[in-house]
Amino acid sequence: MGYFVDHRTKQIHHSQFAGDRCGFLQTPVKEREFTDDSGYIEGLADQKEYNVCPHCQTAQSSVG
């Protein structure tokens, strides 16, 4: 699974499900990173206090 890391807000997103509710659009491109390395992601979460985004655990939909 691919991950999208927002280094400005210290949020880890699942690339497949990331969307508008995740709030990363204000983050400059140079502070964004894409990776498939789950070990790297676990290290960010454990050692650098990054958080998994609660909005992109499943597909987002805009019904209404």
N, C-alpha and C. Protein backbone atom coordinates (compact mmCIF):
# COMPACT_ATOMS: atom_id res chain seq x y z
N MET A 1 0.85 -1.18 0.00
CA MET A 1 0.00 0.00 0.00
C MET A 1 0.89 1.24 0.00
N GLY A 2 0.49 2.25 -0.70
CA GLY A 2 1.24 3.50 -0.77
C GLY A 2 0.83 4.46 0.33
N TYR A 3 1.78 5.27 0.73
CA TYR A 3 1.54 6.25 1.78
C TYR A 3 1.94 7.64 1.28
N PHE A 4 1.26 8.62 1.82
CA PHE A 4 1.55 10.01 1.55
C PHE A 4 1.82 10.66 2.91
N VAL A 5 3.00 11.22 3.07
CA VAL A 5 3.40 11.81 4.35
C VAL A 5 3.38 13.33 4.23
N ASP A 6 2.65 13.96 5.11
CA ASP A 6 2.60 15.41 5.20
C ASP A 6 3.52 15.79 6.36
N HIS A 7 4.72 16.26 6.04
CA HIS A 7 5.71 16.56 7.07
C HIS A 7 5.38 17.86 7.81
N ARG A 8 4.57 18.72 7.24
CA ARG A 8 4.19 19.96 7.92
C ARG A 8 3.27 19.68 9.10
N THR A 9 2.27 18.82 8.88
CA THR A 9 1.30 18.51 9.94
C THR A 9 1.60 17.20 10.65
N LYS A 10 2.65 16.49 10.19
CA LYS A 10 3.04 15.19 10.74
C LYS A 10 1.89 14.19 10.67
N GLN A 11 1.27 14.14 9.50
CA GLN A 11 0.18 13.21 9.25
C GLN A 11 0.60 12.18 8.20
N ILE A 12 0.20 10.94 8.42
CA ILE A 12 0.44 9.86 7.47
C ILE A 12 -0.89 9.51 6.84
N HIS A 13 -0.94 9.56 5.52
CA HIS A 13 -2.16 9.27 4.77
C HIS A 13 -1.98 8.02 3.93
N HIS A 14 -3.05 7.30 3.71
CA HIS A 14 -3.04 6.20 2.76
C HIS A 14 -3.31 6.82 1.40
N SER A 15 -2.37 6.70 0.49
CA SER A 15 -2.48 7.35 -0.82
C SER A 15 -3.78 7.02 -1.53
N GLN A 16 -4.21 5.79 -1.41
CA GLN A 16 -5.41 5.31 -2.10
C GLN A 16 -6.66 6.04 -1.63
N PHE A 17 -6.71 6.46 -0.38
CA PHE A 17 -7.92 7.04 0.19
C PHE A 17 -7.82 8.52 0.54
N ALA A 18 -6.66 9.13 0.37
CA ALA A 18 -6.49 10.54 0.74
C ALA A 18 -7.40 11.43 -0.09
N GLY A 19 -7.99 12.42 0.56
CA GLY A 19 -8.91 13.31 -0.13
C GLY A 19 -9.00 14.67 0.55
N ASP A 20 -9.99 15.43 0.17
CA ASP A 20 -10.14 16.80 0.66
C ASP A 20 -10.24 16.90 2.17
N ARG A 21 -10.90 15.95 2.81
CA ARG A 21 -11.08 16.02 4.27
C ARG A 21 -9.76 15.88 5.01
N CYS A 22 -8.74 15.36 4.37
CA CYS A 22 -7.44 15.16 5.03
C CYS A 22 -6.73 16.48 5.30
N GLY A 23 -7.03 17.52 4.55
CA GLY A 23 -6.50 18.85 4.81
C GLY A 23 -5.06 19.09 4.42
N PHE A 24 -4.53 18.34 3.47
CA PHE A 24 -3.12 18.51 3.11
C PHE A 24 -2.91 19.49 1.96
N LEU A 25 -3.95 20.06 1.43
CA LEU A 25 -3.81 20.95 0.27
C LEU A 25 -3.03 22.22 0.60
N GLN A 26 -3.00 22.62 1.87
CA GLN A 26 -2.26 23.81 2.27
C GLN A 26 -0.76 23.53 2.46
N THR A 27 -0.38 22.28 2.47
CA THR A 27 1.02 21.91 2.68
C THR A 27 1.80 22.09 1.39
N PRO A 28 2.91 22.83 1.43
CA PRO A 28 3.74 23.00 0.23
C PRO A 28 4.24 21.65 -0.29
N VAL A 29 4.39 21.55 -1.59
CA VAL A 29 4.81 20.30 -2.23
C VAL A 29 6.13 19.80 -1.66
N LYS A 30 7.04 20.70 -1.33
CA LYS A 30 8.35 20.28 -0.81
C LYS A 30 8.25 19.63 0.57
N GLU A 31 7.10 19.75 1.23
CA GLU A 31 6.90 19.13 2.54
C GLU A 31 6.01 17.90 2.46
N ARG A 32 5.82 17.37 1.25
CA ARG A 32 5.03 16.16 1.02
C ARG A 32 5.95 15.05 0.52
N GLU A 33 5.64 13.83 0.88
CA GLU A 33 6.46 12.70 0.46
C GLU A 33 5.57 11.49 0.20
N PHE A 34 5.87 10.75 -0.87
CA PHE A 34 5.16 9.52 -1.19
C PHE A 34 6.11 8.35 -1.00
N THR A 35 5.62 7.26 -0.40
CA THR A 35 6.46 6.09 -0.17
C THR A 35 5.61 4.83 -0.09
N ASP A 36 6.23 3.71 -0.39
CA ASP A 36 5.60 2.39 -0.22
C ASP A 36 6.26 1.63 0.93
N ASP A 37 7.18 2.25 1.62
CA ASP A 37 7.98 1.61 2.67
C ASP A 37 7.24 1.64 4.01
N SER A 38 6.59 0.53 4.35
CA SER A 38 5.81 0.47 5.59
C SER A 38 6.71 0.55 6.82
N GLY A 39 7.94 0.08 6.73
CA GLY A 39 8.88 0.19 7.84
C GLY A 39 9.21 1.64 8.14
N TYR A 40 9.40 2.42 7.11
CA TYR A 40 9.67 3.85 7.25
C TYR A 40 8.47 4.54 7.93
N ILE A 41 7.27 4.18 7.49
CA ILE A 41 6.05 4.76 8.05
C ILE A 41 5.92 4.40 9.53
N GLU A 42 6.19 3.14 9.87
CA GLU A 42 6.13 2.73 11.27
C GLU A 42 7.15 3.51 12.11
N GLY A 43 8.32 3.76 11.54
CA GLY A 43 9.34 4.54 12.24
C GLY A 43 8.89 5.97 12.49
N LEU A 44 8.25 6.58 11.51
CA LEU A 44 7.73 7.94 11.70
C LEU A 44 6.70 7.96 12.81
N ALA A 45 5.82 6.98 12.80
CA ALA A 45 4.75 6.93 13.80
C ALA A 45 5.32 6.67 15.20
N ASP A 46 6.33 5.83 15.30
CA ASP A 46 6.88 5.46 16.61
C ASP A 46 7.87 6.48 17.15
N GLN A 47 8.81 6.90 16.32
CA GLN A 47 9.93 7.70 16.81
C GLN A 47 9.73 9.21 16.65
N LYS A 48 8.99 9.62 15.65
CA LYS A 48 8.86 11.06 15.39
C LYS A 48 7.46 11.58 15.66
N GLU A 49 6.63 10.75 16.25
CA GLU A 49 5.30 11.17 16.67
C GLU A 49 4.39 11.64 15.53
N TYR A 50 4.51 10.99 14.39
CA TYR A 50 3.58 11.25 13.30
C TYR A 50 2.29 10.49 13.59
N ASN A 51 1.17 11.02 13.12
CA ASN A 51 -0.13 10.40 13.35
C ASN A 51 -0.74 9.93 12.04
N VAL A 52 -1.50 8.84 12.11
CA VAL A 52 -2.22 8.35 10.94
C VAL A 52 -3.49 9.17 10.81
N CYS A 53 -3.73 9.68 9.63
CA CYS A 53 -4.91 10.51 9.36
C CYS A 53 -6.19 9.68 9.56
N PRO A 54 -7.12 10.18 10.35
CA PRO A 54 -8.36 9.44 10.58
C PRO A 54 -9.32 9.49 9.39
N HIS A 55 -9.07 10.39 8.45
CA HIS A 55 -9.99 10.58 7.33
C HIS A 55 -9.71 9.67 6.13
N CYS A 56 -8.56 9.05 6.08
CA CYS A 56 -8.26 8.27 4.86
C CYS A 56 -7.97 6.80 5.18
N GLN A 57 -8.73 6.26 6.10
CA GLN A 57 -8.64 4.83 6.40
C GLN A 57 -9.52 4.03 5.45
N THR A 58 -10.55 4.66 4.92
CA THR A 58 -11.43 4.05 3.92
C THR A 58 -11.74 5.10 2.87
N ALA A 59 -12.35 4.68 1.79
CA ALA A 59 -12.67 5.58 0.70
C ALA A 59 -13.60 6.70 1.16
N GLN A 60 -13.32 7.93 0.72
CA GLN A 60 -14.16 9.06 1.04
C GLN A 60 -15.20 9.23 -0.06
N SER A 61 -16.36 9.61 0.32
CA SER A 61 -17.40 9.88 -0.67
C SER A 61 -18.07 11.18 -0.33
N SER A 62 -18.61 11.80 -1.35
CA SER A 62 -19.33 13.05 -1.12
C SER A 62 -20.76 12.87 -1.59
N VAL A 63 -21.57 12.38 -0.68
CA VAL A 63 -22.98 12.15 -0.95
C VAL A 63 -23.75 13.34 -0.40
N GLY A 64 -24.64 13.84 -1.19
CA GLY A 64 -25.39 14.95 -0.63
C GLY A 64 -25.94 15.72 -1.70
